[in-house]
Amino acid sequence: MDEVILRLYVTRQNFYSRAAIKTLNKLKKKVDISVEIVDITEDPDLARENHIIAIPTLERIKPEPRRRIIGDLSDEGALLKFIGC
């Protein structure tokens, strides 16, 4: 499998953001993925630069093509499919 690099845009006080972080941390134990977590309250320029309009937003950086999924990210099976596993 190609290297998988993900970026998760969140605000840590948001329920769905916390659930997404929890789910991705569980997935990291099962599959080889790299996850960068960006709190948009701490780095609004990066969110603006990448046109983030809703949180949580999970972006697959690698492998190409880039893809995004927005909203409830608590379904491990759906995330594995999105990641390509």
PDB file of N, CA and C in Angstrom:
ATOM      1  N   MET A   1       0.837  -1.176   0.000  1.00  0.00           N
ATOM      2  CA  MET A   1       0.000   0.000   0.000  1.00  0.00           C
ATOM      3  C   MET A   1       0.887   1.246   0.000  1.00  0.00           C
ATOM      4  N   ASP A   2       0.479   2.269  -0.771  1.00  0.00           N
ATOM      5  CA  ASP A   2       1.201   3.537  -0.813  1.00  0.00           C
ATOM      6  C   ASP A   2       1.162   4.209   0.552  1.00  0.00           C
ATOM      7  N   GLU A   3       2.111   5.117   0.743  1.00  0.00           N
ATOM      8  CA  GLU A   3       2.129   5.908   1.966  1.00  0.00           C
ATOM      9  C   GLU A   3       0.819   6.698   2.066  1.00  0.00           C
ATOM     10  N   VAL A   4       0.217   6.688   3.256  1.00  0.00           N
ATOM     11  CA  VAL A   4      -1.035   7.409   3.477  1.00  0.00           C
ATOM     12  C   VAL A   4      -0.769   8.555   4.443  1.00  0.00           C
ATOM     13  N   ILE A   5      -1.008   9.773   3.949  1.00  0.00           N
ATOM     14  CA  ILE A   5      -0.856  10.973   4.773  1.00  0.00           C
ATOM     15  C   ILE A   5      -2.200  11.680   4.791  1.00  0.00           C
ATOM     16  N   LEU A   6      -2.699  11.929   6.009  1.00  0.00           N
ATOM     17  CA  LEU A   6      -3.986  12.576   6.196  1.00  0.00           C
ATOM     18  C   LEU A   6      -3.796  13.856   6.988  1.00  0.00           C
ATOM     19  N   ARG A   7      -4.699  14.802   6.756  1.00  0.00           N
ATOM     20  CA  ARG A   7      -4.725  16.024   7.556  1.00  0.00           C
ATOM     21  C   ARG A   7      -6.163  16.207   8.038  1.00  0.00           C
ATOM     22  N   LEU A   8      -6.309  16.361   9.339  1.00  0.00           N
ATOM     23  CA  LEU A   8      -7.625  16.535   9.953  1.00  0.00           C
ATOM     24  C   LEU A   8      -7.733  17.961  10.477  1.00  0.00           C
ATOM     25  N   TYR A   9      -8.730  18.688   9.967  1.00  0.00           N
ATOM     26  CA  TYR A   9      -9.006  20.049  10.424  1.00  0.00           C
ATOM     27  C   TYR A   9     -10.110  19.973  11.470  1.00  0.00           C
ATOM     28  N   VAL A  10      -9.850  20.561  12.635  1.00  0.00           N
ATOM     29  CA  VAL A  10     -10.793  20.469  13.760  1.00  0.00           C
ATOM     30  C   VAL A  10     -10.811  21.778  14.544  1.00  0.00           C
ATOM     31  N   THR A  11     -11.762  21.858  15.448  1.00  0.00           N
ATOM     32  CA  THR A  11     -11.679  22.720  16.624  1.00  0.00           C
ATOM     33  C   THR A  11     -11.858  21.753  17.784  1.00  0.00           C
ATOM     34  N   ARG A  12     -10.963  21.773  18.707  1.00  0.00           N
ATOM     35  CA  ARG A  12     -10.932  20.740  19.747  1.00  0.00           C
ATOM     36  C   ARG A  12     -12.156  20.752  20.661  1.00  0.00           C
ATOM     37  N   GLN A  13     -12.875  21.849  20.745  1.00  0.00           N
ATOM     38  CA  GLN A  13     -14.056  21.869  21.603  1.00  0.00           C
ATOM     39  C   GLN A  13     -15.289  21.299  20.912  1.00  0.00           C
ATOM     40  N   ASN A  14     -15.193  20.966  19.643  1.00  0.00           N
ATOM     41  CA  ASN A  14     -16.316  20.430  18.884  1.00  0.00           C
ATOM     42  C   ASN A  14     -16.433  18.917  19.109  1.00  0.00           C
ATOM     43  N   PHE A  15     -17.640  18.445  19.422  1.00  0.00           N
ATOM     44  CA  PHE A  15     -17.883  17.028  19.698  1.00  0.00           C
ATOM     45  C   PHE A  15     -17.443  16.146  18.536  1.00  0.00           C
ATOM     46  N   TYR A  16     -17.832  16.493  17.323  1.00  0.00           N
ATOM     47  CA  TYR A  16     -17.496  15.672  16.157  1.00  0.00           C
ATOM     48  C   TYR A  16     -15.994  15.669  15.881  1.00  0.00           C
ATOM     49  N   SER A  17     -15.331  16.765  16.186  1.00  0.00           N
ATOM     50  CA  SER A  17     -13.881  16.822  16.032  1.00  0.00           C
ATOM     51  C   SER A  17     -13.200  15.862  17.006  1.00  0.00           C
ATOM     52  N   ARG A  18     -13.650  15.874  18.247  1.00  0.00           N
ATOM     53  CA  ARG A  18     -13.061  14.959  19.247  1.00  0.00           C
ATOM     54  C   ARG A  18     -13.308  13.511  18.860  1.00  0.00           C
ATOM     55  N   ALA A  19     -14.499  13.211  18.341  1.00  0.00           N
ATOM     56  CA  ALA A  19     -14.805  11.841  17.904  1.00  0.00           C
ATOM     57  C   ALA A  19     -13.917  11.441  16.729  1.00  0.00           C
ATOM     58  N   ALA A  20     -13.672  12.364  15.807  1.00  0.00           N
ATOM     59  CA  ALA A  20     -12.817  12.078  14.655  1.00  0.00           C
ATOM     60  C   ALA A  20     -11.387  11.782  15.099  1.00  0.00           C
ATOM     61  N   ILE A  21     -10.875  12.560  16.033  1.00  0.00           N
ATOM     62  CA  ILE A  21      -9.520  12.328  16.552  1.00  0.00           C
ATOM     63  C   ILE A  21      -9.440  10.953  17.203  1.00  0.00           C
ATOM     64  N   LYS A  22     -10.436  10.619  17.990  1.00  0.00           N
ATOM     65  CA  LYS A  22     -10.464   9.313  18.668  1.00  0.00           C
ATOM     66  C   LYS A  22     -10.476   8.167  17.648  1.00  0.00           C
ATOM     67  N   THR A  23     -11.319   8.283  16.626  1.00  0.00           N
ATOM     68  CA  THR A  23     -11.412   7.233  15.612  1.00  0.00           C
ATOM     69  C   THR A  23     -10.100   7.102  14.834  1.00  0.00           C
ATOM     70  N   LEU A  24      -9.500   8.218  14.459  1.00  0.00           N
ATOM     71  CA  LEU A  24      -8.239   8.153  13.715  1.00  0.00           C
ATOM     72  C   LEU A  24      -7.110   7.586  14.568  1.00  0.00           C
ATOM     73  N   ASN A  25      -7.100   7.894  15.853  1.00  0.00           N
ATOM     74  CA  ASN A  25      -6.086   7.311  16.737  1.00  0.00           C
ATOM     75  C   ASN A  25      -6.233   5.789  16.811  1.00  0.00           C
ATOM     76  N   LYS A  26      -7.481   5.297  16.804  1.00  0.00           N
ATOM     77  CA  LYS A  26      -7.706   3.845  16.791  1.00  0.00           C
ATOM     78  C   LYS A  26      -7.222   3.246  15.470  1.00  0.00           C
ATOM     79  N   LEU A  27      -7.506   3.932  14.369  1.00  0.00           N
ATOM     80  CA  LEU A  27      -7.094   3.418  13.061  1.00  0.00           C
ATOM     81  C   LEU A  27      -5.573   3.376  12.918  1.00  0.00           C
ATOM     82  N   LYS A  28      -4.877   4.344  13.525  1.00  0.00           N
ATOM     83  CA  LYS A  28      -3.416   4.375  13.446  1.00  0.00           C
ATOM     84  C   LYS A  28      -2.796   3.119  14.056  1.00  0.00           C
ATOM     85  N   LYS A  29      -3.515   2.482  14.977  1.00  0.00           N
ATOM     86  CA  LYS A  29      -3.025   1.246  15.584  1.00  0.00           C
ATOM     87  C   LYS A  29      -3.241   0.043  14.662  1.00  0.00           C
ATOM     88  N   LYS A  30      -4.149   0.176  13.696  1.00  0.00           N
ATOM     89  CA  LYS A  30      -4.495  -0.936  12.811  1.00  0.00           C
ATOM     90  C   LYS A  30      -3.825  -0.856  11.449  1.00  0.00           C
ATOM     91  N   VAL A  31      -3.664   0.351  10.930  1.00  0.00           N
ATOM     92  CA  VAL A  31      -3.070   0.543   9.607  1.00  0.00           C
ATOM     93  C   VAL A  31      -2.005   1.628   9.694  1.00  0.00           C
ATOM     94  N   ASP A  32      -1.066   1.578   8.757  1.00  0.00           N
ATOM     95  CA  ASP A  32       0.047   2.519   8.745  1.00  0.00           C
ATOM     96  C   ASP A  32      -0.385   3.816   8.058  1.00  0.00           C
ATOM     97  N   ILE A  33      -0.806   4.787   8.868  1.00  0.00           N
ATOM     98  CA  ILE A  33      -1.199   6.086   8.357  1.00  0.00           C
ATOM     99  C   ILE A  33      -0.523   7.172   9.176  1.00  0.00           C
ATOM    100  N   SER A  34      -0.328   8.308   8.545  1.00  0.00           N
ATOM    101  CA  SER A  34       0.208   9.476   9.223  1.00  0.00           C
ATOM    102  C   SER A  34      -0.899  10.523   9.247  1.00  0.00           C
ATOM    103  N   VAL A  35      -1.160  11.082  10.428  1.00  0.00           N
ATOM    104  CA  VAL A  35      -2.251  12.046  10.578  1.00  0.00           C
ATOM    105  C   VAL A  35      -1.709  13.326  11.196  1.00  0.00           C
ATOM    106  N   GLU A  36      -1.921  14.428  10.489  1.00  0.00           N
ATOM    107  CA  GLU A  36      -1.609  15.750  11.018  1.00  0.00           C
ATOM    108  C   GLU A  36      -2.938  16.358  11.470  1.00  0.00           C
ATOM    109  N   ILE A  37      -2.991  16.826  12.703  1.00  0.00           N
ATOM    110  CA  ILE A  37      -4.212  17.444  13.224  1.00  0.00           C
ATOM    111  C   ILE A  37      -3.995  18.951  13.272  1.00  0.00           C
ATOM    112  N   VAL A  38      -4.884  19.681  12.602  1.00  0.00           N
ATOM    113  CA  VAL A  38      -4.808  21.132  12.547  1.00  0.00           C
ATOM    114  C   VAL A  38      -6.027  21.711  13.253  1.00  0.00           C
ATOM    115  N   ASP A  39      -5.792  22.396  14.364  1.00  0.00           N
ATOM    116  CA  ASP A  39      -6.868  23.097  15.051  1.00  0.00           C
ATOM    117  C   ASP A  39      -7.001  24.453  14.368  1.00  0.00           C
ATOM    118  N   ILE A  40      -8.119  24.669  13.694  1.00  0.00           N
ATOM    119  CA  ILE A  40      -8.260  25.885  12.897  1.00  0.00           C
ATOM    120  C   ILE A  40      -8.340  27.150  13.746  1.00  0.00           C
ATOM    121  N   THR A  41      -8.601  27.008  15.043  1.00  0.00           N
ATOM    122  CA  THR A  41      -8.576  28.183  15.906  1.00  0.00           C
ATOM    123  C   THR A  41      -7.138  28.619  16.179  1.00  0.00           C
ATOM    124  N   GLU A  42      -6.199  27.679  16.067  1.00  0.00           N
ATOM    125  CA  GLU A  42      -4.790  27.982  16.281  1.00  0.00           C
ATOM    126  C   GLU A  42      -4.073  28.310  14.975  1.00  0.00           C
ATOM    127  N   ASP A  43      -4.578  27.813  13.845  1.00  0.00           N
ATOM    128  CA  ASP A  43      -3.946  28.040  12.548  1.00  0.00           C
ATOM    129  C   ASP A  43      -5.007  28.382  11.494  1.00  0.00           C
ATOM    130  N   PRO A  44      -5.676  29.520  11.672  1.00  0.00           N
ATOM    131  CA  PRO A  44      -6.740  29.872  10.730  1.00  0.00           C
ATOM    132  C   PRO A  44      -6.239  30.131   9.317  1.00  0.00           C
ATOM    133  N   ASP A  45      -4.980  30.566   9.182  1.00  0.00           N
ATOM    134  CA  ASP A  45      -4.445  30.833   7.848  1.00  0.00           C
ATOM    135  C   ASP A  45      -4.365  29.562   7.007  1.00  0.00           C
ATOM    136  N   LEU A  46      -3.942  28.456   7.613  1.00  0.00           N
ATOM    137  CA  LEU A  46      -3.864  27.188   6.881  1.00  0.00           C
ATOM    138  C   LEU A  46      -5.260  26.735   6.459  1.00  0.00           C
ATOM    139  N   ALA A  47      -6.231  26.901   7.335  1.00  0.00           N
ATOM    140  CA  ALA A  47      -7.610  26.531   6.994  1.00  0.00           C
ATOM    141  C   ALA A  47      -8.134  27.391   5.853  1.00  0.00           C
ATOM    142  N   ARG A  48      -7.866  28.666   5.917  1.00  0.00           N
ATOM    143  CA  ARG A  48      -8.315  29.586   4.866  1.00  0.00           C
ATOM    144  C   ARG A  48      -7.617  29.266   3.546  1.00  0.00           C
ATOM    145  N   GLU A  49      -6.324  29.029   3.621  1.00  0.00           N
ATOM    146  CA  GLU A  49      -5.515  28.704   2.437  1.00  0.00           C
ATOM    147  C   GLU A  49      -6.017  27.438   1.740  1.00  0.00           C
ATOM    148  N   ASN A  50      -6.527  26.489   2.524  1.00  0.00           N
ATOM    149  CA  ASN A  50      -7.007  25.221   1.971  1.00  0.00           C
ATOM    150  C   ASN A  50      -8.526  25.178   1.820  1.00  0.00           C
ATOM    151  N   HIS A  51      -9.162  26.336   1.963  1.00  0.00           N
ATOM    152  CA  HIS A  51     -10.602  26.485   1.716  1.00  0.00           C
ATOM    153  C   HIS A  51     -11.452  25.548   2.572  1.00  0.00           C
ATOM    154  N   ILE A  52     -11.114  25.460   3.854  1.00  0.00           N
ATOM    155  CA  ILE A  52     -11.888  24.640   4.784  1.00  0.00           C
ATOM    156  C   ILE A  52     -13.132  25.424   5.180  1.00  0.00           C
ATOM    157  N   ILE A  53     -14.296  24.821   4.928  1.00  0.00           N
ATOM    158  CA  ILE A  53     -15.548  25.519   5.204  1.00  0.00           C
ATOM    159  C   ILE A  53     -16.363  24.856   6.315  1.00  0.00           C
ATOM    160  N   ALA A  54     -15.967  23.646   6.712  1.00  0.00           N
ATOM    161  CA  ALA A  54     -16.689  22.925   7.766  1.00  0.00           C
ATOM    162  C   ALA A  54     -15.702  22.053   8.527  1.00  0.00           C
ATOM    163  N   ILE A  55     -16.051  21.782   9.772  1.00  0.00           N
ATOM    164  CA  ILE A  55     -15.201  20.897  10.574  1.00  0.00           C
ATOM    165  C   ILE A  55     -16.079  19.827  11.202  1.00  0.00           C
ATOM    166  N   PRO A  56     -15.529  18.665  11.449  1.00  0.00           N
ATOM    167  CA  PRO A  56     -14.192  18.259  11.038  1.00  0.00           C
ATOM    168  C   PRO A  56     -14.138  17.958   9.539  1.00  0.00           C
ATOM    169  N   THR A  57     -12.985  18.236   8.955  1.00  0.00           N
ATOM    170  CA  THR A  57     -12.704  17.890   7.569  1.00  0.00           C
ATOM    171  C   THR A  57     -11.449  17.033   7.564  1.00  0.00           C
ATOM    172  N   LEU A  58     -11.536  15.874   6.937  1.00  0.00           N
ATOM    173  CA  LEU A  58     -10.391  14.999   6.794  1.00  0.00           C
ATOM    174  C   LEU A  58      -9.958  15.039   5.338  1.00  0.00           C
ATOM    175  N   GLU A  59      -8.688  15.365   5.137  1.00  0.00           N
ATOM    176  CA  GLU A  59      -8.139  15.456   3.788  1.00  0.00           C
ATOM    177  C   GLU A  59      -7.078  14.375   3.602  1.00  0.00           C
ATOM    178  N   ARG A  60      -7.217  13.622   2.518  1.00  0.00           N
ATOM    179  CA  ARG A  60      -6.175  12.652   2.167  1.00  0.00           C
ATOM    180  C   ARG A  60      -5.179  13.379   1.279  1.00  0.00           C
ATOM    181  N   ILE A  61      -3.972  13.573   1.802  1.00  0.00           N
ATOM    182  CA  ILE A  61      -2.910  14.256   1.070  1.00  0.00           C
ATOM    183  C   ILE A  61      -2.246  13.286   0.100  1.00  0.00           C
ATOM    184  N   LYS A  62      -1.883  12.118   0.612  1.00  0.00           N
ATOM    185  CA  LYS A  62      -1.283  11.048  -0.194  1.00  0.00           C
ATOM    186  C   LYS A  62      -2.011   9.770   0.122  1.00  0.00           C
ATOM    187  N   PRO A  63      -2.209   8.891  -0.790  1.00  0.00           N
ATOM    188  CA  PRO A  63      -1.826   8.965  -2.200  1.00  0.00           C
ATOM    189  C   PRO A  63      -2.763   9.901  -2.971  1.00  0.00           C
ATOM    190  N   GLU A  64      -2.252  10.391  -4.061  1.00  0.00           N
ATOM    191  CA  GLU A  64      -3.053  11.250  -4.948  1.00  0.00           C
ATOM    192  C   GLU A  64      -4.177  10.426  -5.550  1.00  0.00           C
ATOM    193  N   PRO A  65      -5.285  10.966  -5.942  1.00  0.00           N
ATOM    194  CA  PRO A  65      -5.628  12.383  -5.867  1.00  0.00           C
ATOM    195  C   PRO A  65      -6.074  12.762  -4.460  1.00  0.00           C
ATOM    196  N   ARG A  66      -5.923  14.035  -4.134  1.00  0.00           N
ATOM    197  CA  ARG A  66      -6.395  14.531  -2.844  1.00  0.00           C
ATOM    198  C   ARG A  66      -7.903  14.403  -2.785  1.00  0.00           C
ATOM    199  N   ARG A  67      -8.376  14.025  -1.608  1.00  0.00           N
ATOM    200  CA  ARG A  67      -9.822  13.885  -1.394  1.00  0.00           C
ATOM    201  C   ARG A  67     -10.155  14.414  -0.017  1.00  0.00           C
ATOM    202  N   ARG A  68     -11.420  14.780   0.175  1.00  0.00           N
ATOM    203  CA  ARG A  68     -11.882  15.272   1.473  1.00  0.00           C
ATOM    204  C   ARG A  68     -13.175  14.594   1.857  1.00  0.00           C
ATOM    205  N   ILE A  69     -13.322  14.451   3.161  1.00  0.00           N
ATOM    206  CA  ILE A  69     -14.573  13.979   3.725  1.00  0.00           C
ATOM    207  C   ILE A  69     -14.874  14.897   4.907  1.00  0.00           C
ATOM    208  N   ILE A  70     -16.134  15.269   5.043  1.00  0.00           N
ATOM    209  CA  ILE A  70     -16.534  16.264   6.039  1.00  0.00           C
ATOM    210  C   ILE A  70     -17.638  15.698   6.916  1.00  0.00           C
ATOM    211  N   GLY A  71     -17.588  16.046   8.205  1.00  0.00           N
ATOM    212  CA  GLY A  71     -18.695  15.717   9.091  1.00  0.00           C
ATOM    213  C   GLY A  71     -18.378  14.615  10.079  1.00  0.00           C
ATOM    214  N   ASP A  72     -19.328  13.745  10.292  1.00  0.00           N
ATOM    215  CA  ASP A  72     -19.203  12.661  11.261  1.00  0.00           C
ATOM    216  C   ASP A  72     -18.186  11.638  10.755  1.00  0.00           C
ATOM    217  N   LEU A  73     -17.050  11.576  11.428  1.00  0.00           N
ATOM    218  CA  LEU A  73     -15.966  10.677  11.008  1.00  0.00           C
ATOM    219  C   LEU A  73     -15.776   9.539  12.007  1.00  0.00           C
ATOM    220  N   SER A  74     -16.855   9.094  12.626  1.00  0.00           N
ATOM    221  CA  SER A  74     -16.751   8.070  13.659  1.00  0.00           C
ATOM    222  C   SER A  74     -16.853   6.649  13.109  1.00  0.00           C
ATOM    223  N   ASP A  75     -17.191   6.485  11.838  1.00  0.00           N
ATOM    224  CA  ASP A  75     -17.357   5.161  11.243  1.00  0.00           C
ATOM    225  C   ASP A  75     -16.011   4.668  10.691  1.00  0.00           C
ATOM    226  N   GLU A  76     -15.392   3.721  11.418  1.00  0.00           N
ATOM    227  CA  GLU A  76     -14.071   3.224  11.019  1.00  0.00           C
ATOM    228  C   GLU A  76     -14.078   2.610   9.624  1.00  0.00           C
ATOM    229  N   GLY A  77     -15.124   1.854   9.308  1.00  0.00           N
ATOM    230  CA  GLY A  77     -15.214   1.221   8.001  1.00  0.00           C
ATOM    231  C   GLY A  77     -15.248   2.232   6.874  1.00  0.00           C
ATOM    232  N   ALA A  78     -16.021   3.281   7.058  1.00  0.00           N
ATOM    233  CA  ALA A  78     -16.097   4.343   6.039  1.00  0.00           C
ATOM    234  C   ALA A  78     -14.755   5.056   5.899  1.00  0.00           C
ATOM    235  N   LEU A  79     -14.070   5.270   7.016  1.00  0.00           N
ATOM    236  CA  LEU A  79     -12.760   5.919   6.951  1.00  0.00           C
ATOM    237  C   LEU A  79     -11.732   5.035   6.260  1.00  0.00           C
ATOM    238  N   LEU A  80     -11.767   3.734   6.524  1.00  0.00           N
ATOM    239  CA  LEU A  80     -10.841   2.829   5.848  1.00  0.00           C
ATOM    240  C   LEU A  80     -11.081   2.837   4.346  1.00  0.00           C
ATOM    241  N   LYS A  81     -12.328   2.877   3.941  1.00  0.00           N
ATOM    242  CA  LYS A  81     -12.654   2.952   2.517  1.00  0.00           C
ATOM    243  C   LYS A  81     -12.155   4.267   1.926  1.00  0.00           C
ATOM    244  N   PHE A  82     -12.363   5.373   2.636  1.00  0.00           N
ATOM    245  CA  PHE A  82     -11.899   6.682   2.183  1.00  0.00           C
ATOM    246  C   PHE A  82     -10.379   6.689   2.041  1.00  0.00           C
ATOM    247  N   ILE A  83      -9.694   6.110   3.022  1.00  0.00           N
ATOM    248  CA  ILE A  83      -8.236   6.071   3.005  1.00  0.00           C
ATOM    249  C   ILE A  83      -7.725   5.184   1.861  1.00  0.00           C
ATOM    250  N   GLY A  84      -8.479   4.153   1.554  1.00  0.00           N
ATOM    251  CA  GLY A  84      -8.078   3.241   0.482  1.00  0.00           C
ATOM    252  C   GLY A  84      -7.558   1.913   0.997  1.00  0.00           C
ATOM    253  N   CYS A  85      -7.931   1.552   2.221  1.00  0.00           N
ATOM    254  CA  CYS A  85      -7.481   0.293   2.815  1.00  0.00           C
ATOM    255  C   CYS A  85      -8.526  -0.788   2.662  1.00  0.00           C
TER     256      CYS A  85
END
